[in-house]
Amino acid sequence: MRTIQSKEEYNALCARIEELLTIVGNDTPVNSQEFIELDFLSDLVATYEETIAPIEVPTLIEIIKLRMYERNLNQKNLAVLLGISTSRVSEYLTGKGEPPLKVARDISKKLDIDPSIVLGV
């Protein structure tokens, strides 16, 4: 199978995909030329991105900060929600400490974070 050879080629294909996305919709037949082209180019780009710049799994700290942003929480609000001190929250968010199992369970439940991510599994 052909692969993308350069950043310029990648950028050109991404631009073409953007064009095709304005043409191809949910009602486009899967055997249409545009649908087939979009499908093929999307696979090429996905393979390139996985090879050149794979998306890494976010850390627990990054996910907690995202949830804090989504829920408009600051460290003090998070501490109250979890029933811990703000200094503990600060330790967890800076990576200077890890939450014990009880707090990890509360983080998972109260911030809606998958338990496997909280436990680092």
PDB file of N, CA and C in Angstrom:
ATOM      1  N   MET A   1       0.831  -1.186   0.000  1.00  0.00           N
ATOM      2  CA  MET A   1       0.000   0.000   0.000  1.00  0.00           C
ATOM      3  C   MET A   1       0.870   1.243   0.000  1.00  0.00           C
ATOM      4  N   ARG A   2       0.456   2.236  -0.680  1.00  0.00           N
ATOM      5  CA  ARG A   2       1.190   3.484  -0.783  1.00  0.00           C
ATOM      6  C   ARG A   2       1.174   4.211   0.561  1.00  0.00           C
ATOM      7  N   THR A   3       2.241   4.954   0.847  1.00  0.00           N
ATOM      8  CA  THR A   3       2.312   5.749   2.068  1.00  0.00           C
ATOM      9  C   THR A   3       2.643   7.190   1.724  1.00  0.00           C
ATOM     10  N   ILE A   4       2.362   8.079   2.643  1.00  0.00           N
ATOM     11  CA  ILE A   4       2.676   9.495   2.474  1.00  0.00           C
ATOM     12  C   ILE A   4       4.169   9.671   2.677  1.00  0.00           C
ATOM     13  N   GLN A   5       4.799  10.411   1.779  1.00  0.00           N
ATOM     14  CA  GLN A   5       6.254  10.531   1.785  1.00  0.00           C
ATOM     15  C   GLN A   5       6.786  11.824   2.404  1.00  0.00           C
ATOM     16  N   SER A   6       5.948  12.846   2.544  1.00  0.00           N
ATOM     17  CA  SER A   6       6.456  14.121   3.066  1.00  0.00           C
ATOM     18  C   SER A   6       5.351  14.891   3.784  1.00  0.00           C
ATOM     19  N   LYS A   7       5.767  15.881   4.533  1.00  0.00           N
ATOM     20  CA  LYS A   7       4.822  16.751   5.240  1.00  0.00           C
ATOM     21  C   LYS A   7       3.972  17.532   4.238  1.00  0.00           C
ATOM     22  N   GLU A   8       4.582  17.933   3.125  1.00  0.00           N
ATOM     23  CA  GLU A   8       3.847  18.665   2.092  1.00  0.00           C
ATOM     24  C   GLU A   8       2.737  17.801   1.494  1.00  0.00           C
ATOM     25  N   GLU A   9       3.066  16.552   1.227  1.00  0.00           N
ATOM     26  CA  GLU A   9       2.067  15.624   0.694  1.00  0.00           C
ATOM     27  C   GLU A   9       0.946  15.422   1.726  1.00  0.00           C
ATOM     28  N   TYR A  10       1.311  15.277   2.965  1.00  0.00           N
ATOM     29  CA  TYR A  10       0.342  15.137   4.044  1.00  0.00           C
ATOM     30  C   TYR A  10      -0.598  16.341   4.083  1.00  0.00           C
ATOM     31  N   ASN A  11      -0.029  17.547   4.030  1.00  0.00           N
ATOM     32  CA  ASN A  11      -0.842  18.764   4.073  1.00  0.00           C
ATOM     33  C   ASN A  11      -1.792  18.843   2.874  1.00  0.00           C
ATOM     34  N   ALA A  12      -1.309  18.465   1.695  1.00  0.00           N
ATOM     35  CA  ALA A  12      -2.148  18.487   0.496  1.00  0.00           C
ATOM     36  C   ALA A  12      -3.308  17.493   0.637  1.00  0.00           C
ATOM     37  N   LEU A  13      -3.018  16.320   1.164  1.00  0.00           N
ATOM     38  CA  LEU A  13      -4.074  15.325   1.340  1.00  0.00           C
ATOM     39  C   LEU A  13      -5.093  15.769   2.387  1.00  0.00           C
ATOM     40  N   CYS A  14      -4.631  16.401   3.438  1.00  0.00           N
ATOM     41  CA  CYS A  14      -5.555  16.917   4.454  1.00  0.00           C
ATOM     42  C   CYS A  14      -6.471  17.987   3.854  1.00  0.00           C
ATOM     43  N   ALA A  15      -5.907  18.827   3.005  1.00  0.00           N
ATOM     44  CA  ALA A  15      -6.725  19.844   2.344  1.00  0.00           C
ATOM     45  C   ALA A  15      -7.772  19.194   1.442  1.00  0.00           C
ATOM     46  N   ARG A  16      -7.375  18.155   0.724  1.00  0.00           N
ATOM     47  CA  ARG A  16      -8.335  17.453  -0.137  1.00  0.00           C
ATOM     48  C   ARG A  16      -9.421  16.774   0.696  1.00  0.00           C
ATOM     49  N   ILE A  17      -9.054  16.211   1.817  1.00  0.00           N
ATOM     50  CA  ILE A  17     -10.044  15.586   2.701  1.00  0.00           C
ATOM     51  C   ILE A  17     -11.059  16.632   3.163  1.00  0.00           C
ATOM     52  N   GLU A  18     -10.576  17.815   3.514  1.00  0.00           N
ATOM     53  CA  GLU A  18     -11.487  18.889   3.925  1.00  0.00           C
ATOM     54  C   GLU A  18     -12.468  19.231   2.806  1.00  0.00           C
ATOM     55  N   GLU A  19     -11.985  19.273   1.565  1.00  0.00           N
ATOM     56  CA  GLU A  19     -12.864  19.526   0.417  1.00  0.00           C
ATOM     57  C   GLU A  19     -13.907  18.422   0.288  1.00  0.00           C
ATOM     58  N   LEU A  20     -13.457  17.182   0.397  1.00  0.00           N
ATOM     59  CA  LEU A  20     -14.367  16.048   0.239  1.00  0.00           C
ATOM     60  C   LEU A  20     -15.420  15.998   1.344  1.00  0.00           C
ATOM     61  N   LEU A  21     -15.050  16.454   2.538  1.00  0.00           N
ATOM     62  CA  LEU A  21     -16.006  16.440   3.645  1.00  0.00           C
ATOM     63  C   LEU A  21     -17.179  17.385   3.400  1.00  0.00           C
ATOM     64  N   THR A  22     -16.981  18.391   2.551  1.00  0.00           N
ATOM     65  CA  THR A  22     -18.094  19.278   2.218  1.00  0.00           C
ATOM     66  C   THR A  22     -19.007  18.653   1.161  1.00  0.00           C
ATOM     67  N   ILE A  23     -18.508  17.631   0.478  1.00  0.00           N
ATOM     68  CA  ILE A  23     -19.267  16.970  -0.592  1.00  0.00           C
ATOM     69  C   ILE A  23     -19.931  15.690  -0.097  1.00  0.00           C
ATOM     70  N   VAL A  24     -19.180  14.902   0.653  1.00  0.00           N
ATOM     71  CA  VAL A  24     -19.658  13.598   1.112  1.00  0.00           C
ATOM     72  C   VAL A  24     -20.448  13.768   2.399  1.00  0.00           C
ATOM     73  N   GLY A  25     -21.636  13.193   2.412  1.00  0.00           N
ATOM     74  CA  GLY A  25     -22.488  13.249   3.591  1.00  0.00           C
ATOM     75  C   GLY A  25     -22.978  11.865   3.958  1.00  0.00           C
ATOM     76  N   ASN A  26     -23.850  11.808   4.934  1.00  0.00           N
ATOM     77  CA  ASN A  26     -24.390  10.521   5.377  1.00  0.00           C
ATOM     78  C   ASN A  26     -25.198   9.824   4.301  1.00  0.00           C
ATOM     79  N   ASP A  27     -25.739  10.599   3.379  1.00  0.00           N
ATOM     80  CA  ASP A  27     -26.564  10.014   2.327  1.00  0.00           C
ATOM     81  C   ASP A  27     -25.780   9.706   1.044  1.00  0.00           C
ATOM     82  N   THR A  28     -24.473   9.939   1.057  1.00  0.00           N
ATOM     83  CA  THR A  28     -23.641   9.658  -0.114  1.00  0.00           C
ATOM     84  C   THR A  28     -23.480   8.151  -0.274  1.00  0.00           C
ATOM     85  N   PRO A  29     -23.742   7.627  -1.455  1.00  0.00           N
ATOM     86  CA  PRO A  29     -23.569   6.179  -1.678  1.00  0.00           C
ATOM     87  C   PRO A  29     -22.110   5.766  -1.462  1.00  0.00           C
ATOM     88  N   VAL A  30     -21.908   4.611  -0.856  1.00  0.00           N
ATOM     89  CA  VAL A  30     -20.546   4.144  -0.554  1.00  0.00           C
ATOM     90  C   VAL A  30     -19.760   3.787  -1.815  1.00  0.00           C
ATOM     91  N   ASN A  31     -20.437   3.660  -2.935  1.00  0.00           N
ATOM     92  CA  ASN A  31     -19.728   3.352  -4.174  1.00  0.00           C
ATOM     93  C   ASN A  31     -19.501   4.594  -5.037  1.00  0.00           C
ATOM     94  N   SER A  32     -19.793   5.788  -4.478  1.00  0.00           N
ATOM     95  CA  SER A  32     -19.536   7.017  -5.236  1.00  0.00           C
ATOM     96  C   SER A  32     -18.038   7.315  -5.248  1.00  0.00           C
ATOM     97  N   GLN A  33     -17.598   7.999  -6.275  1.00  0.00           N
ATOM     98  CA  GLN A  33     -16.176   8.321  -6.432  1.00  0.00           C
ATOM     99  C   GLN A  33     -15.664   9.140  -5.251  1.00  0.00           C
ATOM    100  N   GLU A  34     -16.446  10.120  -4.797  1.00  0.00           N
ATOM    101  CA  GLU A  34     -16.013  10.978  -3.705  1.00  0.00           C
ATOM    102  C   GLU A  34     -15.897  10.207  -2.391  1.00  0.00           C
ATOM    103  N   PHE A  35     -16.867   9.318  -2.139  1.00  0.00           N
ATOM    104  CA  PHE A  35     -16.830   8.521  -0.912  1.00  0.00           C
ATOM    105  C   PHE A  35     -15.591   7.621  -0.901  1.00  0.00           C
ATOM    106  N   ILE A  36     -15.337   6.966  -2.010  1.00  0.00           N
ATOM    107  CA  ILE A  36     -14.189   6.060  -2.108  1.00  0.00           C
ATOM    108  C   ILE A  36     -12.885   6.831  -1.940  1.00  0.00           C
ATOM    109  N   GLU A  37     -12.800   8.001  -2.574  1.00  0.00           N
ATOM    110  CA  GLU A  37     -11.596   8.826  -2.451  1.00  0.00           C
ATOM    111  C   GLU A  37     -11.396   9.284  -1.009  1.00  0.00           C
ATOM    112  N   LEU A  38     -12.464   9.729  -0.367  1.00  0.00           N
ATOM    113  CA  LEU A  38     -12.370  10.173   1.022  1.00  0.00           C
ATOM    114  C   LEU A  38     -11.928   9.030   1.935  1.00  0.00           C
ATOM    115  N   ASP A  39     -12.494   7.868   1.736  1.00  0.00           N
ATOM    116  CA  ASP A  39     -12.149   6.704   2.534  1.00  0.00           C
ATOM    117  C   ASP A  39     -10.669   6.349   2.367  1.00  0.00           C
ATOM    118  N   PHE A  40     -10.198   6.330   1.134  1.00  0.00           N
ATOM    119  CA  PHE A  40      -8.809   5.987   0.839  1.00  0.00           C
ATOM    120  C   PHE A  40      -7.844   7.016   1.431  1.00  0.00           C
ATOM    121  N   LEU A  41      -8.123   8.299   1.198  1.00  0.00           N
ATOM    122  CA  LEU A  41      -7.233   9.347   1.700  1.00  0.00           C
ATOM    123  C   LEU A  41      -7.229   9.387   3.226  1.00  0.00           C
ATOM    124  N   SER A  42      -8.385   9.141   3.834  1.00  0.00           N
ATOM    125  CA  SER A  42      -8.455   9.125   5.304  1.00  0.00           C
ATOM    126  C   SER A  42      -7.583   8.017   5.883  1.00  0.00           C
ATOM    127  N   ASP A  43      -7.600   6.852   5.229  1.00  0.00           N
ATOM    128  CA  ASP A  43      -6.737   5.750   5.688  1.00  0.00           C
ATOM    129  C   ASP A  43      -5.262   6.104   5.558  1.00  0.00           C
ATOM    130  N   LEU A  44      -4.889   6.739   4.433  1.00  0.00           N
ATOM    131  CA  LEU A  44      -3.493   7.150   4.233  1.00  0.00           C
ATOM    132  C   LEU A  44      -3.049   8.126   5.321  1.00  0.00           C
ATOM    133  N   VAL A  45      -3.877   9.123   5.561  1.00  0.00           N
ATOM    134  CA  VAL A  45      -3.542  10.143   6.552  1.00  0.00           C
ATOM    135  C   VAL A  45      -3.480   9.535   7.951  1.00  0.00           C
ATOM    136  N   ALA A  46      -4.427   8.670   8.285  1.00  0.00           N
ATOM    137  CA  ALA A  46      -4.428   8.035   9.612  1.00  0.00           C
ATOM    138  C   ALA A  46      -3.165   7.211   9.827  1.00  0.00           C
ATOM    139  N   THR A  47      -2.762   6.457   8.825  1.00  0.00           N
ATOM    140  CA  THR A  47      -1.547   5.646   8.930  1.00  0.00           C
ATOM    141  C   THR A  47      -0.329   6.542   9.121  1.00  0.00           C
ATOM    142  N   TYR A  48      -0.256   7.623   8.371  1.00  0.00           N
ATOM    143  CA  TYR A  48       0.852   8.575   8.492  1.00  0.00           C
ATOM    144  C   TYR A  48       0.890   9.170   9.899  1.00  0.00           C
ATOM    145  N   GLU A  49      -0.260   9.600  10.395  1.00  0.00           N
ATOM    146  CA  GLU A  49      -0.310  10.223  11.716  1.00  0.00           C
ATOM    147  C   GLU A  49       0.071   9.236  12.815  1.00  0.00           C
ATOM    148  N   GLU A  50      -0.352   7.990  12.686  1.00  0.00           N
ATOM    149  CA  GLU A  50       0.001   6.977  13.684  1.00  0.00           C
ATOM    150  C   GLU A  50       1.494   6.697  13.684  1.00  0.00           C
ATOM    151  N   THR A  51       2.116   6.806  12.519  1.00  0.00           N
ATOM    152  CA  THR A  51       3.545   6.532  12.394  1.00  0.00           C
ATOM    153  C   THR A  51       4.394   7.723  12.801  1.00  0.00           C
ATOM    154  N   ILE A  52       4.054   8.899  12.302  1.00  0.00           N
ATOM    155  CA  ILE A  52       4.872  10.095  12.503  1.00  0.00           C
ATOM    156  C   ILE A  52       4.588  10.778  13.841  1.00  0.00           C
ATOM    157  N   ALA A  53       3.328  10.930  14.169  1.00  0.00           N
ATOM    158  CA  ALA A  53       2.961  11.652  15.385  1.00  0.00           C
ATOM    159  C   ALA A  53       1.802  10.957  16.083  1.00  0.00           C
ATOM    160  N   PRO A  54       2.077   9.799  16.676  1.00  0.00           N
ATOM    161  CA  PRO A  54       0.978   9.081  17.337  1.00  0.00           C
ATOM    162  C   PRO A  54       0.401   9.894  18.493  1.00  0.00           C
ATOM    163  N   ILE A  55      -0.889   9.765  18.683  1.00  0.00           N
ATOM    164  CA  ILE A  55      -1.541  10.442  19.795  1.00  0.00           C
ATOM    165  C   ILE A  55      -1.291   9.609  21.042  1.00  0.00           C
ATOM    166  N   GLU A  56      -0.666  10.229  22.012  1.00  0.00           N
ATOM    167  CA  GLU A  56      -0.343   9.520  23.237  1.00  0.00           C
ATOM    168  C   GLU A  56      -1.530   9.547  24.192  1.00  0.00           C
ATOM    169  N   VAL A  57      -1.614   8.537  25.011  1.00  0.00           N
ATOM    170  CA  VAL A  57      -2.659   8.473  26.027  1.00  0.00           C
ATOM    171  C   VAL A  57      -2.389   9.583  27.033  1.00  0.00           C
ATOM    172  N   PRO A  58      -3.394  10.393  27.338  1.00  0.00           N
ATOM    173  CA  PRO A  58      -3.162  11.468  28.302  1.00  0.00           C
ATOM    174  C   PRO A  58      -2.896  10.916  29.700  1.00  0.00           C
ATOM    175  N   THR A  59      -2.157  11.686  30.469  1.00  0.00           N
ATOM    176  CA  THR A  59      -1.871  11.293  31.845  1.00  0.00           C
ATOM    177  C   THR A  59      -3.076  11.584  32.725  1.00  0.00           C
ATOM    178  N   LEU A  60      -3.086  10.999  33.887  1.00  0.00           N
ATOM    179  CA  LEU A  60      -4.164  11.254  34.842  1.00  0.00           C
ATOM    180  C   LEU A  60      -4.217  12.741  35.174  1.00  0.00           C
ATOM    181  N   ILE A  61      -3.068  13.349  35.339  1.00  0.00           N
ATOM    182  CA  ILE A  61      -3.025  14.783  35.661  1.00  0.00           C
ATOM    183  C   ILE A  61      -3.698  15.593  34.553  1.00  0.00           C
ATOM    184  N   GLU A  62      -3.396  15.275  33.297  1.00  0.00           N
ATOM    185  CA  GLU A  62      -4.007  15.992  32.175  1.00  0.00           C
ATOM    186  C   GLU A  62      -5.519  15.796  32.144  1.00  0.00           C
ATOM    187  N   ILE A  63      -5.965  14.589  32.442  1.00  0.00           N
ATOM    188  CA  ILE A  63      -7.406  14.321  32.427  1.00  0.00           C
ATOM    189  C   ILE A  63      -8.102  15.036  33.578  1.00  0.00           C
ATOM    190  N   ILE A  64      -7.489  15.044  34.755  1.00  0.00           N
ATOM    191  CA  ILE A  64      -8.084  15.768  35.887  1.00  0.00           C
ATOM    192  C   ILE A  64      -8.195  17.255  35.550  1.00  0.00           C
ATOM    193  N   LYS A  65      -7.135  17.817  34.972  1.00  0.00           N
ATOM    194  CA  LYS A  65      -7.164  19.240  34.614  1.00  0.00           C
ATOM    195  C   LYS A  65      -8.233  19.520  33.557  1.00  0.00           C
ATOM    196  N   LEU A  66      -8.414  18.585  32.621  1.00  0.00           N
ATOM    197  CA  LEU A  66      -9.468  18.740  31.623  1.00  0.00           C
ATOM    198  C   LEU A  66     -10.838  18.740  32.288  1.00  0.00           C
ATOM    199  N   ARG A  67     -11.062  17.792  33.203  1.00  0.00           N
ATOM    200  CA  ARG A  67     -12.347  17.727  33.904  1.00  0.00           C
ATOM    201  C   ARG A  67     -12.568  18.990  34.742  1.00  0.00           C
ATOM    202  N   MET A  68     -11.509  19.491  35.343  1.00  0.00           N
ATOM    203  CA  MET A  68     -11.630  20.724  36.121  1.00  0.00           C
ATOM    204  C   MET A  68     -12.054  21.871  35.200  1.00  0.00           C
ATOM    205  N   TYR A  69     -11.458  21.946  34.036  1.00  0.00           N
ATOM    206  CA  TYR A  69     -11.808  22.986  33.073  1.00  0.00           C
ATOM    207  C   TYR A  69     -13.258  22.831  32.610  1.00  0.00           C
ATOM    208  N   GLU A  70     -13.629  21.594  32.264  1.00  0.00           N
ATOM    209  CA  GLU A  70     -14.991  21.330  31.779  1.00  0.00           C
ATOM    210  C   GLU A  70     -16.047  21.685  32.822  1.00  0.00           C
ATOM    211  N   ARG A  71     -15.716  21.483  34.085  1.00  0.00           N
ATOM    212  CA  ARG A  71     -16.688  21.698  35.159  1.00  0.00           C
ATOM    213  C   ARG A  71     -16.456  23.007  35.910  1.00  0.00           C
ATOM    214  N   ASN A  72     -15.564  23.814  35.360  1.00  0.00           N
ATOM    215  CA  ASN A  72     -15.270  25.120  35.937  1.00  0.00           C
ATOM    216  C   ASN A  72     -14.872  25.017  37.415  1.00  0.00           C
ATOM    217  N   LEU A  73     -13.972  24.076  37.687  1.00  0.00           N
ATOM    218  CA  LEU A  73     -13.493  23.867  39.052  1.00  0.00           C
ATOM    219  C   LEU A  73     -12.090  24.423  39.202  1.00  0.00           C
ATOM    220  N   ASN A  74     -11.822  25.046  40.333  1.00  0.00           N
ATOM    221  CA  ASN A  74     -10.438  25.379  40.662  1.00  0.00           C
ATOM    222  C   ASN A  74      -9.954  24.353  41.682  1.00  0.00           C
ATOM    223  N   GLN A  75      -8.718  24.492  42.147  1.00  0.00           N
ATOM    224  CA  GLN A  75      -8.170  23.496  43.065  1.00  0.00           C
ATOM    225  C   GLN A  75      -8.960  23.458  44.378  1.00  0.00           C
ATOM    226  N   LYS A  76      -9.408  24.603  44.831  1.00  0.00           N
ATOM    227  CA  LYS A  76     -10.170  24.644  46.088  1.00  0.00           C
ATOM    228  C   LYS A  76     -11.502  23.909  45.925  1.00  0.00           C
ATOM    229  N   ASN A  77     -12.204  24.150  44.808  1.00  0.00           N
ATOM    230  CA  ASN A  77     -13.479  23.460  44.559  1.00  0.00           C
ATOM    231  C   ASN A  77     -13.269  21.953  44.451  1.00  0.00           C
ATOM    232  N   LEU A  78     -12.194  21.556  43.773  1.00  0.00           N
ATOM    233  CA  LEU A  78     -11.897  20.131  43.623  1.00  0.00           C
ATOM    234  C   LEU A  78     -11.611  19.497  44.973  1.00  0.00           C
ATOM    235  N   ALA A  79     -10.875  20.218  45.814  1.00  0.00           N
ATOM    236  CA  ALA A  79     -10.566  19.708  47.151  1.00  0.00           C
ATOM    237  C   ALA A  79     -11.850  19.472  47.940  1.00  0.00           C
ATOM    238  N   VAL A  80     -12.782  20.408  47.869  1.00  0.00           N
ATOM    239  CA  VAL A  80     -14.062  20.257  48.574  1.00  0.00           C
ATOM    240  C   VAL A  80     -14.828  19.070  48.002  1.00  0.00           C
ATOM    241  N   LEU A  81     -14.875  18.946  46.682  1.00  0.00           N
ATOM    242  CA  LEU A  81     -15.586  17.851  46.028  1.00  0.00           C
ATOM    243  C   LEU A  81     -15.031  16.491  46.459  1.00  0.00           C
ATOM    244  N   LEU A  82     -13.709  16.415  46.583  1.00  0.00           N
ATOM    245  CA  LEU A  82     -13.069  15.139  46.935  1.00  0.00           C
ATOM    246  C   LEU A  82     -12.911  14.944  48.441  1.00  0.00           C
ATOM    247  N   GLY A  83     -13.169  15.988  49.223  1.00  0.00           N
ATOM    248  CA  GLY A  83     -13.036  15.886  50.673  1.00  0.00           C
ATOM    249  C   GLY A  83     -11.588  15.799  51.129  1.00  0.00           C
ATOM    250  N   ILE A  84     -10.712  16.516  50.428  1.00  0.00           N
ATOM    251  CA  ILE A  84      -9.287  16.533  50.785  1.00  0.00           C
ATOM    252  C   ILE A  84      -8.812  17.982  50.832  1.00  0.00           C
ATOM    253  N   SER A  85      -7.577  18.179  51.275  1.00  0.00           N
ATOM    254  CA  SER A  85      -7.046  19.546  51.369  1.00  0.00           C
ATOM    255  C   SER A  85      -6.586  20.046  49.997  1.00  0.00           C
ATOM    256  N   THR A  86      -6.534  21.351  49.874  1.00  0.00           N
ATOM    257  CA  THR A  86      -6.057  21.936  48.613  1.00  0.00           C
ATOM    258  C   THR A  86      -4.580  21.604  48.378  1.00  0.00           C
ATOM    259  N   SER A  87      -3.828  21.443  49.451  1.00  0.00           N
ATOM    260  CA  SER A  87      -2.413  21.090  49.276  1.00  0.00           C
ATOM    261  C   SER A  87      -2.276  19.682  48.690  1.00  0.00           C
ATOM    262  N   ARG A  88      -3.177  18.773  49.065  1.00  0.00           N
ATOM    263  CA  ARG A  88      -3.168  17.417  48.473  1.00  0.00           C
ATOM    264  C   ARG A  88      -3.505  17.496  46.989  1.00  0.00           C
ATOM    265  N   VAL A  89      -4.518  18.293  46.659  1.00  0.00           N
ATOM    266  CA  VAL A  89      -4.883  18.457  45.245  1.00  0.00           C
ATOM    267  C   VAL A  89      -3.680  18.984  44.474  1.00  0.00           C
ATOM    268  N   SER A  90      -2.995  19.960  45.044  1.00  0.00           N
ATOM    269  CA  SER A  90      -1.812  20.528  44.402  1.00  0.00           C
ATOM    270  C   SER A  90      -0.736  19.465  44.184  1.00  0.00           C
ATOM    271  N   GLU A  91      -0.527  18.615  45.199  1.00  0.00           N
ATOM    272  CA  GLU A  91       0.457  17.530  45.065  1.00  0.00           C
ATOM    273  C   GLU A  91       0.098  16.598  43.914  1.00  0.00           C
ATOM    274  N   TYR A  92      -1.190  16.247  43.787  1.00  0.00           N
ATOM    275  CA  TYR A  92      -1.627  15.338  42.721  1.00  0.00           C
ATOM    276  C   TYR A  92      -1.474  15.993  41.349  1.00  0.00           C
ATOM    277  N   LEU A  93      -1.804  17.281  41.264  1.00  0.00           N
ATOM    278  CA  LEU A  93      -1.775  17.970  39.972  1.00  0.00           C
ATOM    279  C   LEU A  93      -0.364  18.313  39.508  1.00  0.00           C
ATOM    280  N   THR A  94       0.585  18.336  40.435  1.00  0.00           N
ATOM    281  CA  THR A  94       1.975  18.600  40.047  1.00  0.00           C
ATOM    282  C   THR A  94       2.790  17.316  39.924  1.00  0.00           C
ATOM    283  N   GLY A  95       2.172  16.192  40.275  1.00  0.00           N
ATOM    284  CA  GLY A  95       2.872  14.917  40.180  1.00  0.00           C
ATOM    285  C   GLY A  95       3.775  14.626  41.354  1.00  0.00           C
ATOM    286  N   LYS A  96       3.675  15.430  42.407  1.00  0.00           N
ATOM    287  CA  LYS A  96       4.520  15.225  43.587  1.00  0.00           C
ATOM    288  C   LYS A  96       3.979  14.143  44.508  1.00  0.00           C
ATOM    289  N   GLY A  97       2.752  13.734  44.265  1.00  0.00           N
ATOM    290  CA  GLY A  97       2.144  12.686  45.070  1.00  0.00           C
ATOM    291  C   GLY A  97       1.059  11.988  44.278  1.00  0.00           C
ATOM    292  N   GLU A  98       0.725  10.784  44.716  1.00  0.00           N
ATOM    293  CA  GLU A  98      -0.347  10.021  44.072  1.00  0.00           C
ATOM    294  C   GLU A  98      -1.473   9.821  45.066  1.00  0.00           C
ATOM    295  N   PRO A  99      -2.701   9.870  44.581  1.00  0.00           N
ATOM    296  CA  PRO A  99      -3.827   9.698  45.508  1.00  0.00           C
ATOM    297  C   PRO A  99      -3.925   8.276  46.025  1.00  0.00           C
ATOM    298  N   PRO A 100      -4.285   8.118  47.293  1.00  0.00           N
ATOM    299  CA  PRO A 100      -4.528   6.774  47.812  1.00  0.00           C
ATOM    300  C   PRO A 100      -5.783   6.201  47.149  1.00  0.00           C
ATOM    301  N   LEU A 101      -6.011   4.923  47.338  1.00  0.00           N
ATOM    302  CA  LEU A 101      -7.103   4.224  46.660  1.00  0.00           C
ATOM    303  C   LEU A 101      -8.465   4.880  46.885  1.00  0.00           C
ATOM    304  N   LYS A 102      -8.765   5.288  48.102  1.00  0.00           N
ATOM    305  CA  LYS A 102     -10.071   5.912  48.383  1.00  0.00           C
ATOM    306  C   LYS A 102     -10.236   7.196  47.574  1.00  0.00           C
ATOM    307  N   VAL A 103      -9.215   8.019  47.538  1.00  0.00           N
ATOM    308  CA  VAL A 103      -9.286   9.275  46.785  1.00  0.00           C
ATOM    309  C   VAL A 103      -9.321   8.972  45.292  1.00  0.00           C
ATOM    310  N   ALA A 104      -8.561   7.987  44.852  1.00  0.00           N
ATOM    311  CA  ALA A 104      -8.574   7.596  43.438  1.00  0.00           C
ATOM    312  C   ALA A 104      -9.977   7.163  43.019  1.00  0.00           C
ATOM    313  N   ARG A 105     -10.650   6.427  43.887  1.00  0.00           N
ATOM    314  CA  ARG A 105     -12.024   5.994  43.603  1.00  0.00           C
ATOM    315  C   ARG A 105     -12.945   7.211  43.497  1.00  0.00           C
ATOM    316  N   ASP A 106     -12.779   8.177  44.400  1.00  0.00           N
ATOM    317  CA  ASP A 106     -13.594   9.389  44.348  1.00  0.00           C
ATOM    318  C   ASP A 106     -13.302  10.202  43.082  1.00  0.00           C
ATOM    319  N   ILE A 107     -12.047  10.277  42.695  1.00  0.00           N
ATOM    320  CA  ILE A 107     -11.684  10.980  41.461  1.00  0.00           C
ATOM    321  C   ILE A 107     -12.390  10.325  40.280  1.00  0.00           C
ATOM    322  N   SER A 108     -12.352   9.017  40.243  1.00  0.00           N
ATOM    323  CA  SER A 108     -12.995   8.279  39.159  1.00  0.00           C
ATOM    324  C   SER A 108     -14.494   8.547  39.111  1.00  0.00           C
ATOM    325  N   LYS A 109     -15.144   8.427  40.260  1.00  0.00           N
ATOM    326  CA  LYS A 109     -16.608   8.582  40.316  1.00  0.00           C
ATOM    327  C   LYS A 109     -17.050  10.022  40.138  1.00  0.00           C
ATOM    328  N   LYS A 110     -16.433  10.924  40.860  1.00  0.00           N
ATOM    329  CA  LYS A 110     -16.912  12.306  40.886  1.00  0.00           C
ATOM    330  C   LYS A 110     -16.491  13.120  39.663  1.00  0.00           C
ATOM    331  N   LEU A 111     -15.396  12.704  39.009  1.00  0.00           N
ATOM    332  CA  LEU A 111     -14.965  13.409  37.804  1.00  0.00           C
ATOM    333  C   LEU A 111     -15.257  12.610  36.541  1.00  0.00           C
ATOM    334  N   ASP A 112     -15.903  11.465  36.715  1.00  0.00           N
ATOM    335  CA  ASP A 112     -16.274  10.609  35.581  1.00  0.00           C
ATOM    336  C   ASP A 112     -15.049  10.256  34.725  1.00  0.00           C
ATOM    337  N   ILE A 113     -14.040   9.695  35.399  1.00  0.00           N
ATOM    338  CA  ILE A 113     -12.818   9.247  34.731  1.00  0.00           C
ATOM    339  C   ILE A 113     -12.762   7.730  34.863  1.00  0.00           C
ATOM    340  N   ASP A 114     -12.486   7.075  33.765  1.00  0.00           N
ATOM    341  CA  ASP A 114     -12.439   5.596  33.759  1.00  0.00           C
ATOM    342  C   ASP A 114     -11.487   5.109  34.847  1.00  0.00           C
ATOM    343  N   PRO A 115     -11.922   4.139  35.651  1.00  0.00           N
ATOM    344  CA  PRO A 115     -11.065   3.629  36.740  1.00  0.00           C
ATOM    345  C   PRO A 115      -9.704   3.119  36.263  1.00  0.00           C
ATOM    346  N   SER A 116      -9.644   2.539  35.091  1.00  0.00           N
ATOM    347  CA  SER A 116      -8.351   2.024  34.605  1.00  0.00           C
ATOM    348  C   SER A 116      -7.358   3.155  34.376  1.00  0.00           C
ATOM    349  N   ILE A 117      -7.848   4.336  34.017  1.00  0.00           N
ATOM    350  CA  ILE A 117      -6.955   5.478  33.838  1.00  0.00           C
ATOM    351  C   ILE A 117      -6.473   5.975  35.191  1.00  0.00           C
ATOM    352  N   VAL A 118      -7.387   6.042  36.144  1.00  0.00           N
ATOM    353  CA  VAL A 118      -7.027   6.516  37.485  1.00  0.00           C
ATOM    354  C   VAL A 118      -6.007   5.586  38.125  1.00  0.00           C
ATOM    355  N   LEU A 119      -6.179   4.281  37.898  1.00  0.00           N
ATOM    356  CA  LEU A 119      -5.267   3.308  38.501  1.00  0.00           C
ATOM    357  C   LEU A 119      -4.006   3.073  37.662  1.00  0.00           C
ATOM    358  N   GLY A 120      -3.957   3.669  36.472  1.00  0.00           N
ATOM    359  CA  GLY A 120      -2.772   3.533  35.620  1.00  0.00           C
ATOM    360  C   GLY A 120      -2.619   2.152  35.023  1.00  0.00           C
ATOM    361  N   VAL A 121      -3.731   1.485  34.809  1.00  0.00           N
ATOM    362  CA  VAL A 121      -3.706   0.118  34.266  1.00  0.00           C
ATOM    363  C   VAL A 121      -3.732   0.155  32.757  1.00  0.00           C
TER     364      VAL A 121
END
